[in-house]
Protein backbone atom coordinates (compact mmCIF):
# COMPACT_ATOMS: atom_id res chain seq x y z
CA MET A 1 -23.85 -4.05 6.56
CA ASP A 2 -25.19 -7.10 8.37
CA GLU A 3 -25.77 -10.53 6.82
CA LYS A 4 -29.50 -9.94 6.37
CA HIS A 5 -29.02 -6.73 4.41
CA GLY A 6 -26.26 -8.37 2.38
CA ASN A 7 -28.65 -11.18 1.45
CA PHE A 8 -31.30 -8.65 0.43
CA LEU A 9 -28.85 -6.82 -1.81
CA LEU A 10 -27.76 -10.09 -3.41
CA ARG A 11 -31.37 -10.94 -4.24
CA VAL A 12 -31.87 -7.50 -5.78
CA TYR A 13 -28.70 -7.99 -7.82
CA GLU A 14 -30.07 -11.27 -9.13
CA LEU A 15 -33.16 -9.39 -10.30
CA TYR A 16 -31.02 -6.73 -12.00
CA ASN A 17 -28.82 -9.32 -13.62
CA ARG A 18 -31.81 -11.29 -14.89
CA PHE A 19 -33.91 -8.44 -16.26
CA GLY A 20 -31.67 -5.38 -16.37
CA ILE A 21 -31.75 -2.46 -13.96
CA LYS A 22 -34.15 -0.24 -15.87
CA SER A 23 -36.96 -2.79 -16.13
CA VAL A 24 -36.89 -3.74 -12.43
CA THR A 25 -39.22 -1.45 -10.48
CA MET A 26 -39.28 -0.79 -6.75
CA ASP A 27 -42.52 -2.78 -6.66
CA ASP A 28 -40.61 -5.72 -8.13
CA VAL A 29 -37.93 -5.32 -5.47
CA SER A 30 -40.39 -5.16 -2.57
CA ARG A 31 -42.17 -8.27 -3.86
CA GLU A 32 -38.90 -10.14 -4.25
CA LEU A 33 -37.84 -9.24 -0.71
CA GLY A 34 -41.28 -9.87 0.77
CA ILE A 35 -41.52 -6.43 2.33
CA SER A 36 -43.69 -3.37 1.73
CA LYS A 37 -42.44 -0.41 -0.27
CA LYS A 38 -42.77 1.65 2.90
CA THR A 39 -40.36 -0.64 4.71
CA LEU A 40 -38.05 -0.64 1.69
CA TYR A 41 -37.92 3.17 1.66
CA GLU A 42 -37.07 3.17 5.34
CA CYS A 43 -33.79 1.50 4.37
CA ILE A 44 -32.96 3.42 1.18
CA GLU A 45 -33.61 6.84 -0.29
CA ASP A 46 -34.61 5.88 -3.83
CA LYS A 47 -33.82 3.49 -6.68
CA ALA A 48 -30.50 5.21 -7.41
CA ASP A 49 -29.46 4.65 -3.80
CA LEU A 50 -30.45 0.99 -4.05
CA VAL A 51 -28.51 0.51 -7.28
CA LYS A 52 -25.47 2.07 -5.66
CA LEU A 53 -25.67 -0.22 -2.62
CA VAL A 54 -26.20 -3.30 -4.79
CA MET A 55 -23.36 -2.62 -7.22
CA GLU A 56 -20.93 -1.64 -4.47
CA MET A 57 -21.78 -4.90 -2.72
CA VAL A 58 -21.11 -6.88 -5.92
CA PHE A 59 -17.85 -5.00 -6.46
CA ARG A 60 -16.68 -5.85 -2.93
CA PHE A 61 -17.79 -9.47 -3.31
CA HIS A 62 -15.70 -10.04 -6.45
CA GLY A 63 -12.75 -8.25 -4.88
CA GLU A 64 -12.89 -10.54 -1.86
CA LYS A 65 -13.11 -13.65 -4.06
CA LEU A 66 -10.07 -12.57 -6.07
CA ASN A 67 -8.15 -11.80 -2.88
CA GLU A 68 -8.90 -15.32 -1.64
CA ILE A 69 -7.07 -16.70 -4.68
CA THR A 70 -3.91 -14.74 -3.89
CA ILE A 71 -3.57 -16.21 -0.39
CA GLN A 72 -3.76 -19.87 -1.44
CA GLY A 73 0.00 -20.28 -1.75
CA LEU A 74 -0.05 -20.80 -5.55
CA ASN A 75 2.82 -19.79 -7.78
CA ALA A 76 2.31 -16.82 -10.10
CA ILE A 77 1.18 -18.87 -13.12
CA GLU A 78 -1.18 -21.04 -11.09
CA GLU A 79 -2.56 -17.90 -9.49
CA ILE A 80 -3.23 -16.15 -12.79
CA PHE A 81 -4.92 -19.33 -14.08
CA GLU A 82 -7.31 -19.25 -11.13
CA VAL A 83 -7.98 -15.54 -11.59
CA ASN A 84 -8.67 -16.10 -15.28
CA ARG A 85 -11.02 -18.97 -14.48
CA TYR A 86 -12.93 -16.80 -12.02
CA MET A 87 -13.09 -13.82 -14.39
CA THR A 88 -14.29 -16.02 -17.26
CA LYS A 89 -17.05 -17.42 -15.06
CA MET A 90 -18.01 -13.90 -13.98
CA VAL A 91 -18.29 -12.69 -17.59
CA LYS A 92 -20.36 -15.73 -18.52
CA GLU A 93 -22.84 -15.14 -15.70
CA GLN A 94 -23.19 -11.38 -16.11
CA ASN A 95 -26.05 -10.10 -18.25
CA PRO A 96 -24.77 -7.47 -20.75
CA THR A 97 -28.02 -5.54 -20.22
CA LEU A 98 -27.01 -4.83 -16.64
CA VAL A 99 -23.73 -3.24 -17.78
CA TYR A 100 -25.54 -1.29 -20.50
CA ASP A 101 -28.08 0.07 -18.01
CA MET A 102 -25.31 1.07 -15.64
CA GLN A 103 -23.51 2.98 -18.38
CA LYS A 104 -26.64 4.70 -19.67
CA TYR A 105 -28.66 5.47 -16.54
CA TYR A 106 -26.02 5.57 -13.78
CA PRO A 107 -22.90 6.85 -15.57
CA GLU A 108 -21.37 8.52 -12.52
CA LEU A 109 -21.63 5.38 -10.42
CA TYR A 110 -20.41 3.26 -13.32
CA GLY A 111 -17.42 5.54 -13.83
CA THR A 112 -16.51 5.45 -10.14
CA LEU A 113 -16.70 1.66 -9.97
CA MET A 114 -14.70 1.26 -13.19
CA GLN A 115 -12.02 3.60 -11.91
CA GLU A 116 -11.72 1.57 -8.73
CA GLN A 117 -11.72 -1.66 -10.74
CA ARG A 118 -8.91 -0.42 -12.99
CA LYS A 119 -6.86 0.54 -9.94
CA ARG A 120 -7.45 -2.86 -8.38
CA MET A 121 -6.66 -4.69 -11.63
CA HIS A 122 -3.46 -2.73 -12.14
CA GLU A 123 -2.26 -3.51 -8.61
CA ALA A 124 -3.19 -7.20 -8.96
CA ILE A 125 -1.35 -7.56 -12.27
CA ARG A 126 1.69 -5.76 -10.87
CA ASP A 127 1.72 -8.02 -7.82
CA ASN A 128 1.48 -11.13 -10.01
CA LEU A 129 4.30 -9.94 -12.27
CA THR A 130 6.54 -9.18 -9.29
CA LYS A 131 5.72 -12.55 -7.74
CA GLY A 132 6.49 -14.39 -10.98
CA ILE A 133 9.85 -12.65 -11.33
CA GLU A 134 10.77 -13.54 -7.75
CA GLU A 135 9.78 -17.17 -8.37
CA GLY A 136 11.92 -17.38 -11.51
CA LEU A 137 8.93 -17.91 -13.83
CA TYR A 138 8.72 -14.46 -15.50
CA ARG A 139 11.32 -12.43 -17.36
CA LYS A 140 13.24 -10.42 -14.76
CA GLU A 141 14.19 -7.65 -17.22
CA MET A 142 10.64 -6.55 -18.07
CA ASN A 143 9.18 -3.23 -16.93
CA VAL A 144 6.44 -4.32 -14.53
CA ASP A 145 4.57 -1.01 -14.62
CA ILE A 146 4.43 -0.85 -18.43
CA ILE A 147 3.46 -4.52 -18.87
CA SER A 148 0.69 -4.30 -16.26
CA LYS A 149 -0.81 -1.25 -17.96
CA LEU A 150 -0.50 -2.84 -21.42
CA HIS A 151 -2.26 -6.00 -20.31
CA MET A 152 -5.06 -4.09 -18.62
CA THR A 153 -5.54 -1.83 -21.64
CA ARG A 154 -5.54 -4.81 -24.00
CA MET A 155 -8.28 -6.53 -21.99
CA GLU A 156 -10.43 -3.39 -21.87
CA TYR A 157 -9.98 -2.61 -25.58
CA SER A 158 -10.92 -6.13 -26.66
CA HIS A 159 -14.46 -5.61 -25.34
CA ARG A 160 -15.10 -2.21 -26.87
CA LYS A 161 -17.75 -2.26 -29.58
CA ASP A 162 -15.99 0.40 -31.65
CA ASN A 163 -12.65 -1.33 -32.14
CA ASN A 164 -11.53 -1.93 -35.70
CA TYR A 165 -11.21 -5.70 -35.39
CA GLN A 166 -14.73 -6.23 -34.04
CA LEU A 167 -13.62 -8.48 -31.20
CA SER A 168 -17.00 -7.75 -29.65
CA ASP A 169 -18.44 -10.19 -32.20
CA ILE A 170 -16.40 -13.02 -30.67
CA ASP A 171 -17.45 -14.88 -27.54
CA SER A 172 -16.11 -12.92 -24.54
CA ARG A 173 -14.71 -16.03 -22.89
CA GLU A 174 -12.72 -16.91 -25.99
CA VAL A 175 -11.33 -13.39 -26.16
CA MET A 176 -10.30 -13.47 -22.51
CA GLN A 177 -8.61 -16.86 -22.92
CA GLU A 178 -6.60 -15.77 -25.95
CA ILE A 179 -5.49 -12.55 -24.26
CA PHE A 180 -4.58 -14.56 -21.17
CA ILE A 181 -2.33 -16.98 -23.12
CA TYR A 182 -0.87 -14.15 -25.18
CA HIS A 183 0.01 -12.27 -21.99
CA LEU A 184 1.65 -15.29 -20.36
CA HIS A 185 3.79 -16.07 -23.41
CA GLY A 186 5.01 -12.48 -23.36
CA ILE A 187 6.03 -12.40 -19.70
CA ALA A 188 7.21 -15.94 -18.94
CA ASN A 189 10.86 -16.98 -19.16
CA GLU A 190 12.00 -20.45 -20.26
CA ASN A 191 11.10 -22.02 -16.93
CA GLY A 192 7.72 -20.29 -16.97
CA ILE A 193 6.93 -21.43 -20.50
CA LYS A 194 7.69 -25.04 -19.55
CA PHE A 195 5.40 -24.80 -16.54
CA LEU A 196 2.75 -23.04 -18.62
CA ASN A 197 2.74 -25.73 -21.31
CA GLU A 198 2.33 -28.46 -18.69
CA LYS A 199 -0.43 -26.47 -17.04
CA LEU A 200 -2.24 -26.05 -20.35
CA LYS A 201 -2.08 -29.78 -21.03
CA SER A 202 -3.47 -30.77 -17.67
CA ASP A 203 -5.72 -27.92 -16.63
CA TRP A 204 -6.97 -25.83 -19.55
CA LYS A 205 -10.70 -25.94 -20.08
């Protein structure tokens, strides 16, 4: 996809994120892009095709941004701080209506993207755990595979509306921050805890 099409998809995503997918018509999209519906349909098959292109673009965009963090030369704790900061910002900016519409009206696409996201998250958490062990910041005796799956499951469960503790009633950013600190205290060794405490004093927002 060239830069022009990528810009178009970003503008459509901004519409979806502002108003929800269901309420945004193809007329709205053509007006936003400044093109006729005929021209729009020369590029896509239908609204479902457009939603797929838009959400896949967003998925790739966030993946690239997270990858950029991992190549900055940070240690494992610094890296996970930056990932948490980015994820918190992403949650803050995302309209819950967009996610709801994806689940209700495009369940197959939503399921595919979530499956890919879980795979990516699991690999990223595993890589961070391995890196932290090698750097002498995380407990070397922990089972990386089990801990990565536990952390991922804990994050997903905290946002479910049917959980018994009603964490969905708490601000999502606060939930993510508490899970983040809880996770780090569970995996860090003595050296890691010292670094973590200094990091929290100087950098936690």
